[in-house]
Amino acid sequence: MLQKNYTCILLDLDGTVTDSMPGITRSVQYALSCFDIQVTDINTLQKFVGPPLKESFMEYYQFDEKMAMEAIEAYRKRFEKIGIYENNLYPGIESLLKELNKAKKKVMLATSKPTIYARQIIDHYHLTPYFSYIGGSSLDGSISHKDEVIRLVMEQNSIENKEDVVMIGDRKYDIEGARKTGIDSIGVLYGYGDQKELSLAGANYIVRDVEELAHFLLNTR
């Protein structure tokens, strides 16, 4: 695997830094129940992890825009109190962040989750010191897609040389967002996407686990 010395590391949150599926799917389940839609198999809601919620409610449950926004309000009602903490750090992530900091890499978060929630989660796991910037979507929906988040992060940090930057994520949305903004991407297989999804999306590199990701980013292989 040919390696490049990236100095600016953009990390997705859900499925890359934390295993957040329980909190997201249970909050989606609650939101749907508000519309008298009962979902008993919560695993069927895994598809909500990654893409913007509004689009997911509209695509998977044929909600119109008004209903989708009402569903998001219901989702947030549960998520901000309970769901936000129903997740766990992936093994090895904190060590990776420490090593990236030691190597003088600039580590930034680029997530489709609203920034206010992303900050709470990162702070909850005491990871805030490792990130130079936490970038997410806006609650009003003006910034929601991954390419918009990536552009925001790069603009706010005055990053001009795209060769220095790599986006790391577990779903096609991360890879497609990187491609739209002209930066490289690394797909990770320990999250919610698979080899086929990441390959079809055009990932420059794909790694199996956090250990392989660390070896790649730190040139220790």
C-alpha atoms as a PDB file:
ATOM      1  CA  MET A   1       0.000   0.000   0.000  1.00  0.00           C
ATOM      2  CA  LEU A   2       1.573   3.258  -1.175  1.00  0.00           C
ATOM      3  CA  GLN A   3       1.534   5.743   1.671  1.00  0.00           C
ATOM      4  CA  LYS A   4       1.332   9.528   1.678  1.00  0.00           C
ATOM      5  CA  ASN A   5       2.374  11.772   4.510  1.00  0.00           C
ATOM      6  CA  TYR A   6      -0.883  13.516   5.360  1.00  0.00           C
ATOM      7  CA  THR A   7      -0.546  16.354   7.847  1.00  0.00           C
ATOM      8  CA  CYS A   8      -4.251  17.189   8.210  1.00  0.00           C
ATOM      9  CA  ILE A   9      -6.406  14.297   9.381  1.00  0.00           C
ATOM     10  CA  LEU A  10     -10.194  14.636   9.116  1.00  0.00           C
ATOM     11  CA  LEU A  11     -12.094  12.024  11.117  1.00  0.00           C
ATOM     12  CA  ASP A  12     -15.730  11.061  10.877  1.00  0.00           C
ATOM     13  CA  LEU A  13     -17.419  10.444  14.245  1.00  0.00           C
ATOM     14  CA  ASP A  14     -20.141   7.777  14.004  1.00  0.00           C
ATOM     15  CA  GLY A  15     -18.655   4.451  12.960  1.00  0.00           C
ATOM     16  CA  THR A  16     -15.110   5.806  12.933  1.00  0.00           C
ATOM     17  CA  VAL A  17     -14.339   7.257  16.366  1.00  0.00           C
ATOM     18  CA  THR A  18     -17.339   5.873  18.259  1.00  0.00           C
ATOM     19  CA  ASP A  19     -19.734   2.964  17.864  1.00  0.00           C
ATOM     20  CA  SER A  20     -22.855   5.110  18.088  1.00  0.00           C
ATOM     21  CA  MET A  21     -25.447   2.811  16.536  1.00  0.00           C
ATOM     22  CA  PRO A  22     -27.424   2.090  19.757  1.00  0.00           C
ATOM     23  CA  GLY A  23     -28.077   5.752  20.521  1.00  0.00           C
ATOM     24  CA  ILE A  24     -28.960   6.654  16.951  1.00  0.00           C
ATOM     25  CA  THR A  25     -31.191   3.686  16.171  1.00  0.00           C
ATOM     26  CA  ARG A  26     -33.076   3.858  19.473  1.00  0.00           C
ATOM     27  CA  SER A  27     -33.687   7.569  18.946  1.00  0.00           C
ATOM     28  CA  VAL A  28     -34.928   6.907  15.400  1.00  0.00           C
ATOM     29  CA  GLN A  29     -37.163   4.162  16.794  1.00  0.00           C
ATOM     30  CA  TYR A  30     -38.608   6.668  19.272  1.00  0.00           C
ATOM     31  CA  ALA A  31     -39.150   9.277  16.550  1.00  0.00           C
ATOM     32  CA  LEU A  32     -40.985   6.789  14.338  1.00  0.00           C
ATOM     33  CA  SER A  33     -43.196   5.733  17.252  1.00  0.00           C
ATOM     34  CA  CYS A  34     -44.409   9.330  17.420  1.00  0.00           C
ATOM     35  CA  PHE A  35     -45.907   8.698  13.969  1.00  0.00           C
ATOM     36  CA  ASP A  36     -47.431   5.367  15.072  1.00  0.00           C
ATOM     37  CA  ILE A  37     -44.716   3.444  13.250  1.00  0.00           C
ATOM     38  CA  GLN A  38     -43.491   0.622  15.463  1.00  0.00           C
ATOM     39  CA  VAL A  39     -40.081  -0.871  14.664  1.00  0.00           C
ATOM     40  CA  THR A  40     -39.321  -4.011  16.669  1.00  0.00           C
ATOM     41  CA  ASP A  41     -36.060  -5.001  14.976  1.00  0.00           C
ATOM     42  CA  ILE A  42     -33.810  -2.063  15.764  1.00  0.00           C
ATOM     43  CA  ASN A  43     -31.053  -3.429  13.526  1.00  0.00           C
ATOM     44  CA  THR A  44     -33.138  -2.464  10.493  1.00  0.00           C
ATOM     45  CA  LEU A  45     -32.504   1.167  11.431  1.00  0.00           C
ATOM     46  CA  GLN A  46     -28.722   0.907  11.032  1.00  0.00           C
ATOM     47  CA  LYS A  47     -29.134   2.607   7.637  1.00  0.00           C
ATOM     48  CA  PHE A  48     -29.822   5.838   9.550  1.00  0.00           C
ATOM     49  CA  VAL A  49     -26.220   5.907  10.797  1.00  0.00           C
ATOM     50  CA  GLY A  50     -24.184   8.179   8.544  1.00  0.00           C
ATOM     51  CA  PRO A  51     -26.413  10.162   6.178  1.00  0.00           C
ATOM     52  CA  PRO A  52     -28.416  13.287   7.115  1.00  0.00           C
ATOM     53  CA  LEU A  53     -31.520  12.337   9.111  1.00  0.00           C
ATOM     54  CA  LYS A  54     -33.904  14.385   6.995  1.00  0.00           C
ATOM     55  CA  GLU A  55     -32.988  12.509   3.837  1.00  0.00           C
ATOM     56  CA  SER A  56     -33.191   9.157   5.615  1.00  0.00           C
ATOM     57  CA  PHE A  57     -36.706   9.726   6.954  1.00  0.00           C
ATOM     58  CA  MET A  58     -37.824  10.865   3.503  1.00  0.00           C
ATOM     59  CA  GLU A  59     -36.149   7.994   1.659  1.00  0.00           C
ATOM     60  CA  TYR A  60     -36.877   5.066   3.945  1.00  0.00           C
ATOM     61  CA  TYR A  61     -40.308   6.061   5.279  1.00  0.00           C
ATOM     62  CA  GLN A  62     -41.567   8.336   2.484  1.00  0.00           C
ATOM     63  CA  PHE A  63     -41.971  11.300   4.833  1.00  0.00           C
ATOM     64  CA  ASP A  64     -42.500  14.662   3.190  1.00  0.00           C
ATOM     65  CA  GLU A  65     -40.212  17.508   4.249  1.00  0.00           C
ATOM     66  CA  LYS A  66     -42.545  18.723   7.006  1.00  0.00           C
ATOM     67  CA  MET A  67     -42.914  15.254   8.514  1.00  0.00           C
ATOM     68  CA  ALA A  68     -39.175  14.659   8.262  1.00  0.00           C
ATOM     69  CA  MET A  69     -38.443  17.835  10.216  1.00  0.00           C
ATOM     70  CA  GLU A  70     -41.002  16.833  12.868  1.00  0.00           C
ATOM     71  CA  ALA A  71     -39.347  13.415  13.081  1.00  0.00           C
ATOM     72  CA  ILE A  72     -35.963  15.068  13.574  1.00  0.00           C
ATOM     73  CA  GLU A  73     -37.401  17.136  16.431  1.00  0.00           C
ATOM     74  CA  ALA A  74     -38.687  13.956  18.085  1.00  0.00           C
ATOM     75  CA  TYR A  75     -35.363  12.219  17.473  1.00  0.00           C
ATOM     76  CA  ARG A  76     -33.437  15.054  19.095  1.00  0.00           C
ATOM     77  CA  LYS A  77     -35.778  15.079  22.089  1.00  0.00           C
ATOM     78  CA  ARG A  78     -34.541  11.606  23.021  1.00  0.00           C
ATOM     79  CA  PHE A  79     -31.050  11.791  21.586  1.00  0.00           C
ATOM     80  CA  GLU A  80     -29.889  14.900  23.450  1.00  0.00           C
ATOM     81  CA  LYS A  81     -30.896  13.411  26.808  1.00  0.00           C
ATOM     82  CA  ILE A  82     -30.190   9.699  26.404  1.00  0.00           C
ATOM     83  CA  GLY A  83     -29.004   8.637  22.968  1.00  0.00           C
ATOM     84  CA  ILE A  84     -25.975  10.892  22.871  1.00  0.00           C
ATOM     85  CA  TYR A  85     -24.294   8.734  25.511  1.00  0.00           C
ATOM     86  CA  GLU A  86     -25.400   5.357  24.142  1.00  0.00           C
ATOM     87  CA  ASN A  87     -22.130   4.752  22.348  1.00  0.00           C
ATOM     88  CA  ASN A  88     -18.581   3.554  22.937  1.00  0.00           C
ATOM     89  CA  LEU A  89     -15.111   4.414  21.703  1.00  0.00           C
ATOM     90  CA  TYR A  90     -13.655   1.922  19.278  1.00  0.00           C
ATOM     91  CA  PRO A  91     -10.668   0.089  20.800  1.00  0.00           C
ATOM     92  CA  GLY A  92      -7.409   1.841  20.002  1.00  0.00           C
ATOM     93  CA  ILE A  93      -8.917   5.189  18.987  1.00  0.00           C
ATOM     94  CA  GLU A  94      -7.605   7.170  21.957  1.00  0.00           C
ATOM     95  CA  SER A  95      -4.105   5.734  21.464  1.00  0.00           C
ATOM     96  CA  LEU A  96      -4.271   6.633  17.774  1.00  0.00           C
ATOM     97  CA  LEU A  97      -5.221  10.220  18.595  1.00  0.00           C
ATOM     98  CA  LYS A  98      -2.335  10.472  21.067  1.00  0.00           C
ATOM     99  CA  GLU A  99       0.144   9.183  18.490  1.00  0.00           C
ATOM    100  CA  LEU A 100      -1.164  11.510  15.790  1.00  0.00           C
ATOM    101  CA  ASN A 101      -0.711  14.441  18.155  1.00  0.00           C
ATOM    102  CA  LYS A 102       2.822  13.320  18.997  1.00  0.00           C
ATOM    103  CA  ALA A 103       3.575  13.146  15.291  1.00  0.00           C
ATOM    104  CA  LYS A 104       2.412  16.775  14.945  1.00  0.00           C
ATOM    105  CA  LYS A 105      -0.557  15.838  12.774  1.00  0.00           C
ATOM    106  CA  LYS A 106      -3.465  18.268  12.775  1.00  0.00           C
ATOM    107  CA  VAL A 107      -6.503  16.213  13.780  1.00  0.00           C
ATOM    108  CA  MET A 108      -9.986  17.560  13.049  1.00  0.00           C
ATOM    109  CA  LEU A 109     -13.480  16.126  13.317  1.00  0.00           C
ATOM    110  CA  ALA A 110     -15.718  16.266  10.242  1.00  0.00           C
ATOM    111  CA  THR A 111     -19.111  14.758  11.030  1.00  0.00           C
ATOM    112  CA  SER A 112     -22.648  15.055   9.688  1.00  0.00           C
ATOM    113  CA  LYS A 113     -23.834  15.048  13.296  1.00  0.00           C
ATOM    114  CA  PRO A 114     -24.706  18.550  14.571  1.00  0.00           C
ATOM    115  CA  THR A 115     -21.623  20.254  15.987  1.00  0.00           C
ATOM    116  CA  ILE A 116     -23.259  20.814  19.374  1.00  0.00           C
ATOM    117  CA  TYR A 117     -23.730  17.042  19.837  1.00  0.00           C
ATOM    118  CA  ALA A 118     -20.321  16.178  18.423  1.00  0.00           C
ATOM    119  CA  ARG A 119     -18.639  18.460  20.952  1.00  0.00           C
ATOM    120  CA  GLN A 120     -20.543  16.845  23.826  1.00  0.00           C
ATOM    121  CA  ILE A 121     -19.578  13.335  22.729  1.00  0.00           C
ATOM    122  CA  ILE A 122     -15.905  14.165  22.197  1.00  0.00           C
ATOM    123  CA  ASP A 123     -15.809  15.926  25.560  1.00  0.00           C
ATOM    124  CA  HIS A 124     -17.618  13.031  27.269  1.00  0.00           C
ATOM    125  CA  TYR A 125     -14.763  10.726  26.275  1.00  0.00           C
ATOM    126  CA  HIS A 126     -12.134  13.325  27.240  1.00  0.00           C
ATOM    127  CA  LEU A 127     -10.859  13.539  23.659  1.00  0.00           C
ATOM    128  CA  THR A 128     -11.225  17.293  23.164  1.00  0.00           C
ATOM    129  CA  PRO A 129      -7.493  18.035  23.694  1.00  0.00           C
ATOM    130  CA  TYR A 130      -6.609  15.799  20.739  1.00  0.00           C
ATOM    131  CA  PHE A 131      -8.725  17.718  18.234  1.00  0.00           C
ATOM    132  CA  SER A 132      -7.686  21.088  16.881  1.00  0.00           C
ATOM    133  CA  TYR A 133     -11.160  21.598  15.431  1.00  0.00           C
ATOM    134  CA  ILE A 134     -14.581  19.978  15.733  1.00  0.00           C
ATOM    135  CA  GLY A 135     -16.727  20.462  12.666  1.00  0.00           C
ATOM    136  CA  GLY A 136     -20.262  19.200  12.185  1.00  0.00           C
ATOM    137  CA  SER A 137     -23.590  20.002  10.611  1.00  0.00           C
ATOM    138  CA  SER A 138     -25.886  22.837  11.662  1.00  0.00           C
ATOM    139  CA  LEU A 139     -29.141  22.320  13.526  1.00  0.00           C
ATOM    140  CA  ASP A 140     -31.036  24.402  10.965  1.00  0.00           C
ATOM    141  CA  GLY A 141     -29.947  22.164   8.096  1.00  0.00           C
ATOM    142  CA  SER A 142     -27.943  24.822   6.241  1.00  0.00           C
ATOM    143  CA  ILE A 143     -24.902  22.549   6.500  1.00  0.00           C
ATOM    144  CA  SER A 144     -25.797  18.859   6.401  1.00  0.00           C
ATOM    145  CA  HIS A 145     -23.913  16.951   3.697  1.00  0.00           C
ATOM    146  CA  LYS A 146     -20.398  15.649   4.262  1.00  0.00           C
ATOM    147  CA  ASP A 147     -18.832  17.717   1.473  1.00  0.00           C
ATOM    148  CA  GLU A 148     -20.294  20.859   3.071  1.00  0.00           C
ATOM    149  CA  VAL A 149     -18.836  19.883   6.433  1.00  0.00           C
ATOM    150  CA  ILE A 150     -15.424  19.155   4.901  1.00  0.00           C
ATOM    151  CA  ARG A 151     -15.378  22.521   3.122  1.00  0.00           C
ATOM    152  CA  LEU A 152     -16.314  24.251   6.382  1.00  0.00           C
ATOM    153  CA  VAL A 153     -13.506  22.515   8.278  1.00  0.00           C
ATOM    154  CA  MET A 154     -10.945  23.374   5.607  1.00  0.00           C
ATOM    155  CA  GLU A 155     -12.077  26.991   5.352  1.00  0.00           C
ATOM    156  CA  GLN A 156     -12.128  27.522   9.110  1.00  0.00           C
ATOM    157  CA  ASN A 157      -8.599  26.139   9.360  1.00  0.00           C
ATOM    158  CA  SER A 158      -7.239  27.950   6.289  1.00  0.00           C
ATOM    159  CA  ILE A 159      -6.250  24.677   4.621  1.00  0.00           C
ATOM    160  CA  GLU A 160      -5.373  25.326   0.998  1.00  0.00           C
ATOM    161  CA  ASN A 161      -3.150  22.420  -0.033  1.00  0.00           C
ATOM    162  CA  LYS A 162      -5.527  19.508  -0.572  1.00  0.00           C
ATOM    163  CA  GLU A 163      -2.610  17.105  -0.905  1.00  0.00           C
ATOM    164  CA  ASP A 164      -2.057  17.475   2.847  1.00  0.00           C
ATOM    165  CA  VAL A 165      -5.585  16.376   3.761  1.00  0.00           C
ATOM    166  CA  VAL A 166      -7.295  13.003   4.101  1.00  0.00           C
ATOM    167  CA  MET A 167     -10.859  12.200   5.131  1.00  0.00           C
ATOM    168  CA  ILE A 168     -11.355   9.019   7.165  1.00  0.00           C
ATOM    169  CA  GLY A 169     -14.767   7.405   7.489  1.00  0.00           C
ATOM    170  CA  ASP A 170     -16.787   4.212   7.403  1.00  0.00           C
ATOM    171  CA  ARG A 171     -19.571   5.035   4.926  1.00  0.00           C
ATOM    172  CA  LYS A 172     -19.891   6.058   1.297  1.00  0.00           C
ATOM    173  CA  TYR A 173     -20.985   9.538   2.391  1.00  0.00           C
ATOM    174  CA  ASP A 174     -17.517  10.184   3.832  1.00  0.00           C
ATOM    175  CA  ILE A 175     -15.807   8.948   0.677  1.00  0.00           C
ATOM    176  CA  GLU A 176     -18.125  10.822  -1.678  1.00  0.00           C
ATOM    177  CA  GLY A 177     -17.754  13.989   0.396  1.00  0.00           C
ATOM    178  CA  ALA A 178     -13.977  13.747   0.130  1.00  0.00           C
ATOM    179  CA  ARG A 179     -14.156  13.201  -3.614  1.00  0.00           C
ATOM    180  CA  LYS A 180     -16.445  16.208  -4.108  1.00  0.00           C
ATOM    181  CA  THR A 181     -14.001  18.425  -2.240  1.00  0.00           C
ATOM    182  CA  GLY A 182     -10.942  17.061  -4.027  1.00  0.00           C
ATOM    183  CA  ILE A 183      -9.186  15.358  -1.124  1.00  0.00           C
ATOM    184  CA  ASP A 184      -8.084  11.760  -0.535  1.00  0.00           C
ATOM    185  CA  SER A 185     -10.083   9.349   1.576  1.00  0.00           C
ATOM    186  CA  ILE A 186      -9.530   6.274   3.714  1.00  0.00           C
ATOM    187  CA  GLY A 187     -12.409   3.894   4.296  1.00  0.00           C
ATOM    188  CA  VAL A 188     -12.484   1.891   7.522  1.00  0.00           C
ATOM    189  CA  LEU A 189     -14.089  -1.549   7.722  1.00  0.00           C
ATOM    190  CA  TYR A 190     -14.688  -1.645  11.475  1.00  0.00           C
ATOM    191  CA  GLY A 191     -17.668   0.726  11.259  1.00  0.00           C
ATOM    192  CA  TYR A 192     -20.986   0.377   9.438  1.00  0.00           C
ATOM    193  CA  GLY A 193     -19.893   0.209   5.807  1.00  0.00           C
ATOM    194  CA  ASP A 194     -18.338  -2.717   3.947  1.00  0.00           C
ATOM    195  CA  GLN A 195     -15.622  -3.267   1.350  1.00  0.00           C
ATOM    196  CA  LYS A 196     -18.042  -3.069  -1.579  1.00  0.00           C
ATOM    197  CA  GLU A 197     -19.664   0.175  -0.440  1.00  0.00           C
ATOM    198  CA  LEU A 198     -16.355   1.917   0.198  1.00  0.00           C
ATOM    199  CA  SER A 199     -14.770   0.648  -3.020  1.00  0.00           C
ATOM    200  CA  LEU A 200     -17.714   1.699  -5.179  1.00  0.00           C
ATOM    201  CA  ALA A 201     -17.684   5.134  -3.538  1.00  0.00           C
ATOM    202  CA  GLY A 202     -14.064   5.542  -4.640  1.00  0.00           C
ATOM    203  CA  ALA A 203     -12.020   5.295  -1.449  1.00  0.00           C
ATOM    204  CA  ASN A 204      -8.323   5.865  -2.128  1.00  0.00           C
ATOM    205  CA  TYR A 205      -7.421   3.379   0.587  1.00  0.00           C
ATOM    206  CA  ILE A 206      -9.318   0.909   2.765  1.00  0.00           C
ATOM    207  CA  VAL A 207      -8.122  -0.404   6.141  1.00  0.00           C
ATOM    208  CA  ARG A 208      -9.449  -3.249   8.265  1.00  0.00           C
ATOM    209  CA  ASP A 209      -9.103  -1.861  11.769  1.00  0.00           C
ATOM    210  CA  VAL A 210      -7.769   0.947  13.952  1.00  0.00           C
ATOM    211  CA  GLU A 211      -4.358  -0.693  14.158  1.00  0.00           C
ATOM    212  CA  GLU A 212      -3.964  -0.752  10.391  1.00  0.00           C
ATOM    213  CA  LEU A 213      -5.209   2.833  10.205  1.00  0.00           C
ATOM    214  CA  ALA A 214      -2.570   3.883  12.745  1.00  0.00           C
ATOM    215  CA  HIS A 215       0.175   2.120  10.801  1.00  0.00           C
ATOM    216  CA  PHE A 216      -0.913   3.831   7.622  1.00  0.00           C
ATOM    217  CA  LEU A 217      -1.155   7.354   9.044  1.00  0.00           C
ATOM    218  CA  LEU A 218       2.021   7.117  11.088  1.00  0.00           C
ATOM    219  CA  ASN A 219       4.105   5.371   8.416  1.00  0.00           C
ATOM    220  CA  THR A 220       5.131   2.584  10.769  1.00  0.00           C
ATOM    221  CA  ARG A 221       4.387  -0.364   8.525  1.00  0.00           C
END
